Amino acid sequence: IVSVIRDEKSKKAASKMIRFFCELSEDLLELNNLLILYAITGGIILSFRYVEVSSSTNKRVTDINSSISNGNCNVQPPCIPFVGNSLYTLRYIYDSRPDRIYHKYLINIEKRRVTYEVINELSKYQSSCDYNFQPIE
């Protein structure tokens, strides 16, 4: 996204491209497609280094960012979640908690319970993905 915006010939064309990505981000937010939304908003914010944008466009990006800043917490299914947070959490659980406790005689049930909660949260979104798109003719 940054290279697309930066490769525009004029600053006006680059600003127009940023507005396009803002509109796309708003549509993705409406569809709860957080996976692509994180990528696009990150690219828009990085492109602010190369292009000056109007205060209204800056406010749009700020509003989108604030609505997704809590991860997948506020979103109801159907949703395409951003799995980066969940993968980070799973990796943290794996690295920080032992598999066995009490001289390696007992399985660490707490580690399994926390892992289950993270995976269950993701599967909640996966099981209810019903968008019902209508074909465009």
Protein backbone atom coordinates (compact mmCIF):
# COMPACT_ATOMS: atom_id res chain seq x y z
CA ILE A 1 0.00 0.00 0.00
CA VAL A 2 2.82 2.37 0.84
CA SER A 3 4.55 1.68 -2.47
CA VAL A 4 1.29 2.17 -4.40
CA ILE A 5 0.75 5.53 -2.74
CA ARG A 6 4.39 6.58 -2.99
CA ASP A 7 4.58 5.65 -6.70
CA GLU A 8 1.85 8.12 -7.64
CA LYS A 9 3.15 10.92 -9.88
CA SER A 10 1.64 13.83 -7.96
CA LYS A 11 0.76 14.56 -4.35
CA LYS A 12 -2.86 15.09 -5.41
CA ALA A 13 -3.02 11.61 -6.94
CA ALA A 14 -1.40 10.13 -3.85
CA SER A 15 -3.95 11.86 -1.61
CA LYS A 16 -6.73 10.51 -3.81
CA MET A 17 -5.27 7.01 -3.43
CA ILE A 18 -5.20 7.41 0.37
CA ARG A 19 -8.86 8.45 0.32
CA PHE A 20 -9.62 5.33 -1.73
CA PHE A 21 -7.89 3.12 0.84
CA CYS A 22 -9.80 4.93 3.62
CA GLU A 23 -13.09 4.10 1.91
CA LEU A 24 -11.96 0.52 1.45
CA SER A 25 -11.01 0.35 5.14
CA GLU A 26 -14.46 1.58 6.15
CA ASP A 27 -16.07 -1.10 3.98
CA LEU A 28 -13.81 -3.76 5.49
CA LEU A 29 -14.73 -2.58 8.97
CA GLU A 30 -18.40 -2.86 8.08
CA LEU A 31 -17.79 -6.44 6.88
CA ASN A 32 -15.69 -7.20 10.00
CA ASN A 33 -12.72 -8.22 7.87
CA LEU A 34 -10.10 -7.35 10.46
CA LEU A 35 -7.31 -9.35 8.83
CA ILE A 36 -7.10 -7.14 5.72
CA LEU A 37 -8.16 -4.04 7.63
CA TYR A 38 -5.06 -4.17 9.86
CA ALA A 39 -2.82 -4.42 6.79
CA ILE A 40 -4.46 -1.53 4.95
CA THR A 41 -4.62 0.85 7.90
CA GLY A 42 -0.99 0.10 8.71
CA GLY A 43 -0.05 0.95 5.13
CA ILE A 44 -2.07 4.16 5.20
CA ILE A 45 -0.39 5.29 8.40
CA LEU A 46 3.06 4.53 7.02
CA SER A 47 2.25 6.46 3.84
CA PHE A 48 1.62 9.61 5.90
CA ARG A 49 5.41 10.03 5.86
CA TYR A 50 5.35 10.63 2.11
CA VAL A 51 2.07 12.44 1.55
CA GLU A 52 0.30 15.20 3.43
CA VAL A 53 -3.38 14.49 3.91
CA SER A 54 -6.32 16.64 4.87
CA SER A 55 -7.50 16.78 8.45
CA SER A 56 -10.72 14.99 7.49
CA THR A 57 -8.79 12.06 5.99
CA ASN A 58 -6.55 11.97 9.04
CA LYS A 59 -9.64 11.86 11.27
CA ARG A 60 -11.12 9.00 9.22
CA VAL A 61 -7.96 6.95 9.67
CA THR A 62 -7.85 7.78 13.39
CA ASP A 63 -11.48 6.70 13.81
CA ILE A 64 -10.87 3.40 11.99
CA ASN A 65 -7.74 2.77 14.06
CA SER A 66 -9.50 3.46 17.34
CA SER A 67 -12.34 1.09 16.44
CA ILE A 68 -9.92 -1.79 15.83
CA SER A 69 -7.38 -1.00 18.51
CA ASN A 70 -8.88 -3.54 20.91
CA GLY A 71 -8.28 -6.46 18.57
CA ASN A 72 -11.28 -8.69 17.96
CA CYS A 73 -13.01 -7.84 21.25
CA ASN A 74 -15.80 -5.58 19.97
CA VAL A 75 -16.66 -7.50 16.82
CA GLN A 76 -19.57 -9.87 16.50
CA PRO A 77 -19.55 -12.72 13.98
CA PRO A 78 -19.48 -13.01 11.05
CA CYS A 79 -15.89 -11.86 11.16
CA ILE A 80 -12.52 -12.54 9.58
CA PRO A 81 -10.39 -11.98 12.68
CA PHE A 82 -6.87 -10.67 12.89
CA VAL A 83 -5.07 -13.79 14.05
CA GLY A 84 -1.79 -12.07 14.89
CA ASN A 85 -2.86 -11.32 18.46
CA SER A 86 -4.07 -14.88 18.99
CA LEU A 87 -0.88 -16.38 17.58
CA TYR A 88 1.19 -14.12 19.79
CA THR A 89 -0.85 -15.18 22.83
CA LEU A 90 -0.53 -18.86 21.97
CA ARG A 91 3.22 -18.50 21.56
CA TYR A 92 3.44 -16.71 24.90
CA ILE A 93 1.45 -19.48 26.61
CA TYR A 94 3.66 -22.14 25.02
CA ASP A 95 6.90 -20.42 26.05
CA SER A 96 5.95 -19.17 29.49
CA ARG A 97 4.19 -22.16 31.06
CA PRO A 98 5.66 -25.62 31.56
CA ASP A 99 3.92 -28.66 30.04
CA ARG A 100 4.24 -30.58 33.28
CA ILE A 101 4.30 -29.47 36.91
CA TYR A 102 5.31 -30.95 40.27
CA HIS A 103 8.53 -32.64 39.21
CA LYS A 104 7.07 -33.48 35.79
CA TYR A 105 4.51 -35.89 37.22
CA LEU A 106 1.35 -33.89 36.44
CA ILE A 107 0.11 -32.32 33.22
CA ASN A 108 -0.28 -28.56 33.47
CA ILE A 109 -4.06 -28.31 33.07
CA GLU A 110 -4.02 -24.52 33.45
CA LYS A 111 -1.83 -24.22 30.34
CA ARG A 112 -4.27 -26.40 28.40
CA ARG A 113 -7.26 -24.39 29.66
CA VAL A 114 -5.78 -21.05 28.60
CA THR A 115 -4.79 -22.47 25.21
CA TYR A 116 -8.33 -23.77 24.75
CA GLU A 117 -9.78 -20.33 25.49
CA VAL A 118 -7.68 -18.68 22.78
CA ILE A 119 -8.48 -21.35 20.18
CA ASN A 120 -12.17 -21.32 21.15
CA GLU A 121 -12.31 -17.56 20.61
CA LEU A 122 -10.98 -18.00 17.07
CA SER A 123 -13.29 -20.92 16.30
CA LYS A 124 -16.27 -18.79 17.33
CA TYR A 125 -15.58 -16.57 14.33
CA GLN A 126 -14.85 -19.50 12.04
CA SER A 127 -18.09 -21.37 12.73
CA SER A 128 -20.38 -18.44 11.98
CA CYS A 129 -19.05 -17.05 8.73
CA ASP A 130 -22.26 -16.39 6.80
CA TYR A 131 -22.03 -13.24 4.69
CA ASN A 132 -24.78 -13.95 2.11
CA PHE A 133 -23.27 -11.83 -0.67
CA GLN A 134 -25.49 -11.12 -3.64
CA PRO A 135 -24.03 -11.56 -7.15
CA ILE A 136 -23.51 -8.37 -9.17
CA GLU A 137 -24.75 -8.59 -12.72
